[in-house]
PDB file of N, CA and C in Angstrom:
ATOM      1  N   MET A   1     -37.565  64.446  33.413  1.00  0.00           N
ATOM      2  CA  MET A   1     -37.424  62.958  32.625  1.00  0.00           C
ATOM      3  C   MET A   1     -39.147  62.668  32.712  1.00  0.00           C
ATOM      4  N   ASN A   2     -39.389  61.847  31.813  1.00  0.00           N
ATOM      5  CA  ASN A   2     -41.138  61.447  32.028  1.00  0.00           C
ATOM      6  C   ASN A   2     -40.895  60.154  32.231  1.00  0.00           C
ATOM      7  N   GLU A   3     -39.733  59.107  31.708  1.00  0.00           N
ATOM      8  CA  GLU A   3     -39.908  57.814  31.822  1.00  0.00           C
ATOM      9  C   GLU A   3     -38.544  57.453  31.885  1.00  0.00           C
ATOM     10  N   ILE A   4     -37.828  56.227  32.502  1.00  0.00           N
ATOM     11  CA  ILE A   4     -37.035  55.564  32.445  1.00  0.00           C
ATOM     12  C   ILE A   4     -36.964  54.190  31.625  1.00  0.00           C
ATOM     13  N   ILE A   5     -36.033  53.910  30.667  1.00  0.00           N
ATOM     14  CA  ILE A   5     -36.316  52.579  29.917  1.00  0.00           C
ATOM     15  C   ILE A   5     -35.097  51.630  30.395  1.00  0.00           C
ATOM     16  N   PHE A   6     -35.714  50.396  30.656  1.00  0.00           N
ATOM     17  CA  PHE A   6     -34.886  49.429  31.104  1.00  0.00           C
ATOM     18  C   PHE A   6     -34.766  48.371  29.857  1.00  0.00           C
ATOM     19  N   VAL A   7     -33.744  47.726  29.505  1.00  0.00           N
ATOM     20  CA  VAL A   7     -33.450  46.718  28.630  1.00  0.00           C
ATOM     21  C   VAL A   7     -33.398  45.472  29.567  1.00  0.00           C
ATOM     22  N   VAL A   8     -34.151  44.457  29.305  1.00  0.00           N
ATOM     23  CA  VAL A   8     -34.354  43.213  29.842  1.00  0.00           C
ATOM     24  C   VAL A   8     -34.178  42.038  28.901  1.00  0.00           C
ATOM     25  N   GLU A   9     -33.234  41.396  29.650  1.00  0.00           N
ATOM     26  CA  GLU A   9     -32.864  40.095  28.923  1.00  0.00           C
ATOM     27  C   GLU A   9     -33.016  38.668  29.644  1.00  0.00           C
ATOM     28  N   GLU A  10     -33.194  37.819  29.190  1.00  0.00           N
ATOM     29  CA  GLU A  10     -33.203  36.479  29.890  1.00  0.00           C
ATOM     30  C   GLU A  10     -31.813  36.067  30.009  1.00  0.00           C
ATOM     31  N   ALA A  11     -31.548  35.432  31.235  1.00  0.00           N
ATOM     32  CA  ALA A  11     -30.121  34.590  31.181  1.00  0.00           C
ATOM     33  C   ALA A  11     -30.040  33.364  30.694  1.00  0.00           C
ATOM     34  N   GLU A  12     -29.117  32.589  30.595  1.00  0.00           N
ATOM     35  CA  GLU A  12     -28.871  31.381  30.173  1.00  0.00           C
ATOM     36  C   GLU A  12     -29.665  30.481  31.069  1.00  0.00           C
ATOM     37  N   ASP A  13     -29.435  30.853  32.299  1.00  0.00           N
ATOM     38  CA  ASP A  13     -30.082  29.914  33.576  1.00  0.00           C
ATOM     39  C   ASP A  13     -31.781  30.156  33.897  1.00  0.00           C
ATOM     40  N   GLY A  14     -32.026  30.959  33.039  1.00  0.00           N
ATOM     41  CA  GLY A  14     -33.579  31.275  33.060  1.00  0.00           C
ATOM     42  C   GLY A  14     -33.993  32.557  33.949  1.00  0.00           C
ATOM     43  N   SER A  15     -32.883  33.203  34.689  1.00  0.00           N
ATOM     44  CA  SER A  15     -33.408  34.375  35.322  1.00  0.00           C
ATOM     45  C   SER A  15     -33.426  35.727  34.384  1.00  0.00           C
ATOM     46  N   PHE A  16     -33.567  36.892  34.980  1.00  0.00           N
ATOM     47  CA  PHE A  16     -33.675  37.969  34.356  1.00  0.00           C
ATOM     48  C   PHE A  16     -32.866  39.253  34.686  1.00  0.00           C
ATOM     49  N   ARG A  17     -32.645  39.837  33.479  1.00  0.00           N
ATOM     50  CA  ARG A  17     -31.598  40.943  34.044  1.00  0.00           C
ATOM     51  C   ARG A  17     -31.947  42.240  33.476  1.00  0.00           C
ATOM     52  N   ALA A  18     -31.978  43.255  34.044  1.00  0.00           N
ATOM     53  CA  ALA A  18     -32.406  44.451  33.671  1.00  0.00           C
ATOM     54  C   ALA A  18     -31.459  45.829  33.823  1.00  0.00           C
ATOM     55  N   ASN A  19     -31.178  46.651  32.688  1.00  0.00           N
ATOM     56  CA  ASN A  19     -30.267  47.498  32.636  1.00  0.00           C
ATOM     57  C   ASN A  19     -30.848  48.937  32.001  1.00  0.00           C
ATOM     58  N   ALA A  20     -30.817  49.850  32.980  1.00  0.00           N
ATOM     59  CA  ALA A  20     -31.320  51.054  32.390  1.00  0.00           C
ATOM     60  C   ALA A  20     -30.767  51.676  31.538  1.00  0.00           C
ATOM     61  N   VAL A  21     -31.286  52.289  30.494  1.00  0.00           N
ATOM     62  CA  VAL A  21     -30.742  53.132  29.533  1.00  0.00           C
ATOM     63  C   VAL A  21     -30.458  54.555  29.768  1.00  0.00           C
ATOM     64  N   GLY A  22     -29.067  54.887  29.804  1.00  0.00           N
ATOM     65  CA  GLY A  22     -28.628  56.077  30.144  1.00  0.00           C
ATOM     66  C   GLY A  22     -28.224  56.497  31.728  1.00  0.00           C
ATOM     67  N   SER A  23     -28.576  55.768  32.431  1.00  0.00           N
ATOM     68  CA  SER A  23     -28.340  55.417  34.052  1.00  0.00           C
ATOM     69  C   SER A  23     -27.580  54.218  34.221  1.00  0.00           C
ATOM     70  N   SER A  24     -27.222  54.308  35.368  1.00  0.00           N
ATOM     71  CA  SER A  24     -26.361  53.098  36.035  1.00  0.00           C
ATOM     72  C   SER A  24     -27.071  52.699  37.394  1.00  0.00           C
ATOM     73  N   ILE A  25     -28.468  52.052  36.550  1.00  0.00           N
ATOM     74  CA  ILE A  25     -29.151  51.000  37.532  1.00  0.00           C
ATOM     75  C   ILE A  25     -29.414  49.840  36.714  1.00  0.00           C
ATOM     76  N   HIS A  26     -28.768  48.861  37.495  1.00  0.00           N
ATOM     77  CA  HIS A  26     -28.845  47.320  36.986  1.00  0.00           C
ATOM     78  C   HIS A  26     -29.358  46.480  37.989  1.00  0.00           C
ATOM     79  N   THR A  27     -30.289  45.584  37.638  1.00  0.00           N
ATOM     80  CA  THR A  27     -30.757  44.729  38.691  1.00  0.00           C
ATOM     81  C   THR A  27     -30.835  43.242  38.077  1.00  0.00           C
ATOM     82  N   GLU A  28     -31.118  42.393  38.866  1.00  0.00           N
ATOM     83  CA  GLU A  28     -31.568  40.795  38.286  1.00  0.00           C
ATOM     84  C   GLU A  28     -32.490  40.225  39.287  1.00  0.00           C
ATOM     85  N   ALA A  29     -33.264  39.074  38.818  1.00  0.00           N
ATOM     86  CA  ALA A  29     -34.220  38.209  39.516  1.00  0.00           C
ATOM     87  C   ALA A  29     -34.581  37.206  38.761  1.00  0.00           C
ATOM     88  N   GLU A  30     -34.925  36.176  39.662  1.00  0.00           N
ATOM     89  CA  GLU A  30     -35.377  34.601  39.133  1.00  0.00           C
ATOM     90  C   GLU A  30     -36.569  34.645  38.228  1.00  0.00           C
ATOM     91  N   ASP A  31     -37.557  35.792  38.429  1.00  0.00           N
ATOM     92  CA  ASP A  31     -38.600  35.693  37.424  1.00  0.00           C
ATOM     93  C   ASP A  31     -38.898  37.163  37.385  1.00  0.00           C
ATOM     94  N   LEU A  32     -40.007  37.352  36.378  1.00  0.00           N
ATOM     95  CA  LEU A  32     -40.222  38.404  35.927  1.00  0.00           C
ATOM     96  C   LEU A  32     -41.244  39.302  36.897  1.00  0.00           C
ATOM     97  N   ALA A  33     -41.938  38.657  37.446  1.00  0.00           N
ATOM     98  CA  ALA A  33     -42.640  39.504  38.639  1.00  0.00           C
ATOM     99  C   ALA A  33     -41.621  40.086  39.761  1.00  0.00           C
ATOM    100  N   GLN A  34     -40.827  39.099  40.239  1.00  0.00           N
ATOM    101  CA  GLN A  34     -39.660  39.861  41.217  1.00  0.00           C
ATOM    102  C   GLN A  34     -38.892  40.849  40.624  1.00  0.00           C
ATOM    103  N   LEU A  35     -38.508  40.602  39.286  1.00  0.00           N
ATOM    104  CA  LEU A  35     -37.783  41.754  38.454  1.00  0.00           C
ATOM    105  C   LEU A  35     -38.414  43.002  38.548  1.00  0.00           C
ATOM    106  N   HIS A  36     -39.738  43.009  38.282  1.00  0.00           N
ATOM    107  CA  HIS A  36     -40.452  44.297  38.454  1.00  0.00           C
ATOM    108  C   HIS A  36     -40.428  45.004  39.669  1.00  0.00           C
ATOM    109  N   GLN A  37     -40.498  44.197  40.550  1.00  0.00           N
ATOM    110  CA  GLN A  37     -40.239  44.794  41.891  1.00  0.00           C
ATOM    111  C   GLN A  37     -38.887  45.245  42.364  1.00  0.00           C
ATOM    112  N   GLU A  38     -37.844  44.543  41.718  1.00  0.00           N
ATOM    113  CA  GLU A  38     -36.417  44.841  41.948  1.00  0.00           C
ATOM    114  C   GLU A  38     -36.325  46.123  41.212  1.00  0.00           C
ATOM    115  N   ILE A  39     -36.838  46.241  39.996  1.00  0.00           N
ATOM    116  CA  ILE A  39     -36.708  47.396  39.242  1.00  0.00           C
ATOM    117  C   ILE A  39     -37.340  48.832  39.905  1.00  0.00           C
ATOM    118  N   ARG A  40     -38.257  48.488  40.303  1.00  0.00           N
ATOM    119  CA  ARG A  40     -38.952  49.711  41.108  1.00  0.00           C
ATOM    120  C   ARG A  40     -38.137  50.084  42.391  1.00  0.00           C
ATOM    121  N   ASP A  41     -37.630  49.064  42.917  1.00  0.00           N
ATOM    122  CA  ASP A  41     -36.656  49.212  44.100  1.00  0.00           C
ATOM    123  C   ASP A  41     -35.454  50.081  43.804  1.00  0.00           C
ATOM    124  N   ALA A  42     -34.961  49.651  42.859  1.00  0.00           N
ATOM    125  CA  ALA A  42     -33.549  50.413  42.278  1.00  0.00           C
ATOM    126  C   ALA A  42     -33.864  51.988  41.694  1.00  0.00           C
ATOM    127  N   VAL A  43     -34.970  51.866  41.164  1.00  0.00           N
ATOM    128  CA  VAL A  43     -35.135  53.318  40.818  1.00  0.00           C
ATOM    129  C   VAL A  43     -35.537  54.208  41.821  1.00  0.00           C
ATOM    130  N   HIS A  44     -36.211  53.760  43.033  1.00  0.00           N
ATOM    131  CA  HIS A  44     -36.475  54.790  44.126  1.00  0.00           C
ATOM    132  C   HIS A  44     -35.122  54.771  44.946  1.00  0.00           C
ATOM    133  N   CYS A  45     -34.158  53.815  44.787  1.00  0.00           N
ATOM    134  CA  CYS A  45     -32.896  53.985  45.522  1.00  0.00           C
ATOM    135  C   CYS A  45     -32.170  55.112  44.825  1.00  0.00           C
ATOM    136  N   HIS A  46     -32.068  54.892  43.311  1.00  0.00           N
ATOM    137  CA  HIS A  46     -31.294  55.830  42.735  1.00  0.00           C
ATOM    138  C   HIS A  46     -31.539  56.993  42.470  1.00  0.00           C
ATOM    139  N   PHE A  47     -32.986  57.521  42.733  1.00  0.00           N
ATOM    140  CA  PHE A  47     -33.292  58.861  42.608  1.00  0.00           C
ATOM    141  C   PHE A  47     -33.578  59.478  44.037  1.00  0.00           C
ATOM    142  N   GLU A  48     -33.258  60.782  44.085  1.00  0.00           N
ATOM    143  CA  GLU A  48     -33.872  61.473  45.296  1.00  0.00           C
ATOM    144  C   GLU A  48     -35.413  61.389  45.250  1.00  0.00           C
ATOM    145  N   GLU A  49     -35.797  61.620  46.523  1.00  0.00           N
ATOM    146  CA  GLU A  49     -37.332  61.660  46.757  1.00  0.00           C
ATOM    147  C   GLU A  49     -38.087  62.757  45.852  1.00  0.00           C
ATOM    148  N   GLY A  50     -39.193  62.417  44.981  1.00  0.00           N
ATOM    149  CA  GLY A  50     -39.680  63.143  44.023  1.00  0.00           C
ATOM    150  C   GLY A  50     -38.964  63.433  42.764  1.00  0.00           C
ATOM    151  N   ASP A  51     -37.722  63.056  42.505  1.00  0.00           N
ATOM    152  CA  ASP A  51     -37.162  63.311  41.058  1.00  0.00           C
ATOM    153  C   ASP A  51     -37.282  62.118  40.519  1.00  0.00           C
ATOM    154  N   ALA A  52     -37.884  60.829  40.993  1.00  0.00           N
ATOM    155  CA  ALA A  52     -37.883  59.548  39.672  1.00  0.00           C
ATOM    156  C   ALA A  52     -38.954  59.990  38.884  1.00  0.00           C
ATOM    157  N   PRO A  53     -38.747  59.478  37.757  1.00  0.00           N
ATOM    158  CA  PRO A  53     -39.819  59.413  36.615  1.00  0.00           C
ATOM    159  C   PRO A  53     -40.604  58.525  36.780  1.00  0.00           C
ATOM    160  N   PRO A  54     -42.018  58.974  36.403  1.00  0.00           N
ATOM    161  CA  PRO A  54     -43.484  58.360  36.915  1.00  0.00           C
ATOM    162  C   PRO A  54     -43.566  57.277  36.215  1.00  0.00           C
ATOM    163  N   LEU A  55     -42.897  56.933  35.062  1.00  0.00           N
ATOM    164  CA  LEU A  55     -43.123  55.779  34.031  1.00  0.00           C
ATOM    165  C   LEU A  55     -41.844  54.989  34.115  1.00  0.00           C
ATOM    166  N   ILE A  56     -41.876  53.682  34.108  1.00  0.00           N
ATOM    167  CA  ILE A  56     -40.950  52.812  33.864  1.00  0.00           C
ATOM    168  C   ILE A  56     -41.138  51.924  32.503  1.00  0.00           C
ATOM    169  N   ARG A  57     -40.505  52.066  31.427  1.00  0.00           N
ATOM    170  CA  ARG A  57     -40.586  51.335  30.287  1.00  0.00           C
ATOM    171  C   ARG A  57     -39.454  50.172  30.473  1.00  0.00           C
ATOM    172  N   LEU A  58     -40.115  48.820  29.824  1.00  0.00           N
ATOM    173  CA  LEU A  58     -39.327  47.619  29.867  1.00  0.00           C
ATOM    174  C   LEU A  58     -39.199  47.244  28.580  1.00  0.00           C
ATOM    175  N   HIS A  59     -37.952  47.267  27.645  1.00  0.00           N
ATOM    176  CA  HIS A  59     -37.859  46.658  26.523  1.00  0.00           C
ATOM    177  C   HIS A  59     -37.334  45.375  26.864  1.00  0.00           C
ATOM    178  N   HIS A  60     -37.820  44.350  26.512  1.00  0.00           N
ATOM    179  CA  HIS A  60     -37.528  42.722  26.468  1.00  0.00           C
ATOM    180  C   HIS A  60     -36.747  42.457  25.195  1.00  0.00           C
ATOM    181  N   VAL A  61     -35.491  42.126  25.641  1.00  0.00           N
ATOM    182  CA  VAL A  61     -34.909  41.645  24.238  1.00  0.00           C
ATOM    183  C   VAL A  61     -34.798  40.058  24.190  1.00  0.00           C
ATOM    184  N   ARG A  62     -34.922  39.351  23.220  1.00  0.00           N
ATOM    185  CA  ARG A  62     -34.986  37.985  23.190  1.00  0.00           C
ATOM    186  C   ARG A  62     -34.017  37.456  21.875  1.00  0.00           C
ATOM    187  N   GLN A  63     -33.162  36.653  21.930  1.00  0.00           N
ATOM    188  CA  GLN A  63     -32.153  36.146  21.160  1.00  0.00           C
ATOM    189  C   GLN A  63     -32.570  34.778  20.774  1.00  0.00           C
ATOM    190  N   GLU A  64     -32.750  34.391  19.485  1.00  0.00           N
ATOM    191  CA  GLU A  64     -33.036  33.301  18.750  1.00  0.00           C
ATOM    192  C   GLU A  64     -32.288  32.914  17.650  1.00  0.00           C
ATOM    193  N   LEU A  65     -31.658  31.607  17.633  1.00  0.00           N
ATOM    194  CA  LEU A  65     -30.830  31.210  16.735  1.00  0.00           C
ATOM    195  C   LEU A  65     -31.716  30.180  15.667  1.00  0.00           C
ATOM    196  N   LEU A  66     -31.218  30.380  14.305  1.00  0.00           N
ATOM    197  CA  LEU A  66     -32.072  29.554  13.412  1.00  0.00           C
ATOM    198  C   LEU A  66     -31.006  28.770  12.593  1.00  0.00           C
ATOM    199  N   ALA A  67     -30.935  27.604  12.479  1.00  0.00           N
ATOM    200  CA  ALA A  67     -30.072  26.845  11.699  1.00  0.00           C
ATOM    201  C   ALA A  67     -30.708  26.816  10.287  1.00  0.00           C
ATOM    202  N   LEU A  68     -29.611  26.700   9.191  1.00  0.00           N
ATOM    203  CA  LEU A  68     -30.045  26.823   7.969  1.00  0.00           C
ATOM    204  C   LEU A  68     -30.145  25.384   7.360  1.00  0.00           C
TER     205      LEU A  68
END
């Protein structure tokens, strides 16, 4: 595995949640800088030493509502 992909969403309270695609890794944080560190920590905890992918890709999902 060359990379792991996380879907990042902003919660209603302004915090952020990240879920890995294809792996059971989930984390959350109050801001993006903290989320980046939480994701790194979660990936290190999930994989054995030397098995973690070298790249983490973040896919930010943003929802918008448009009134007609």
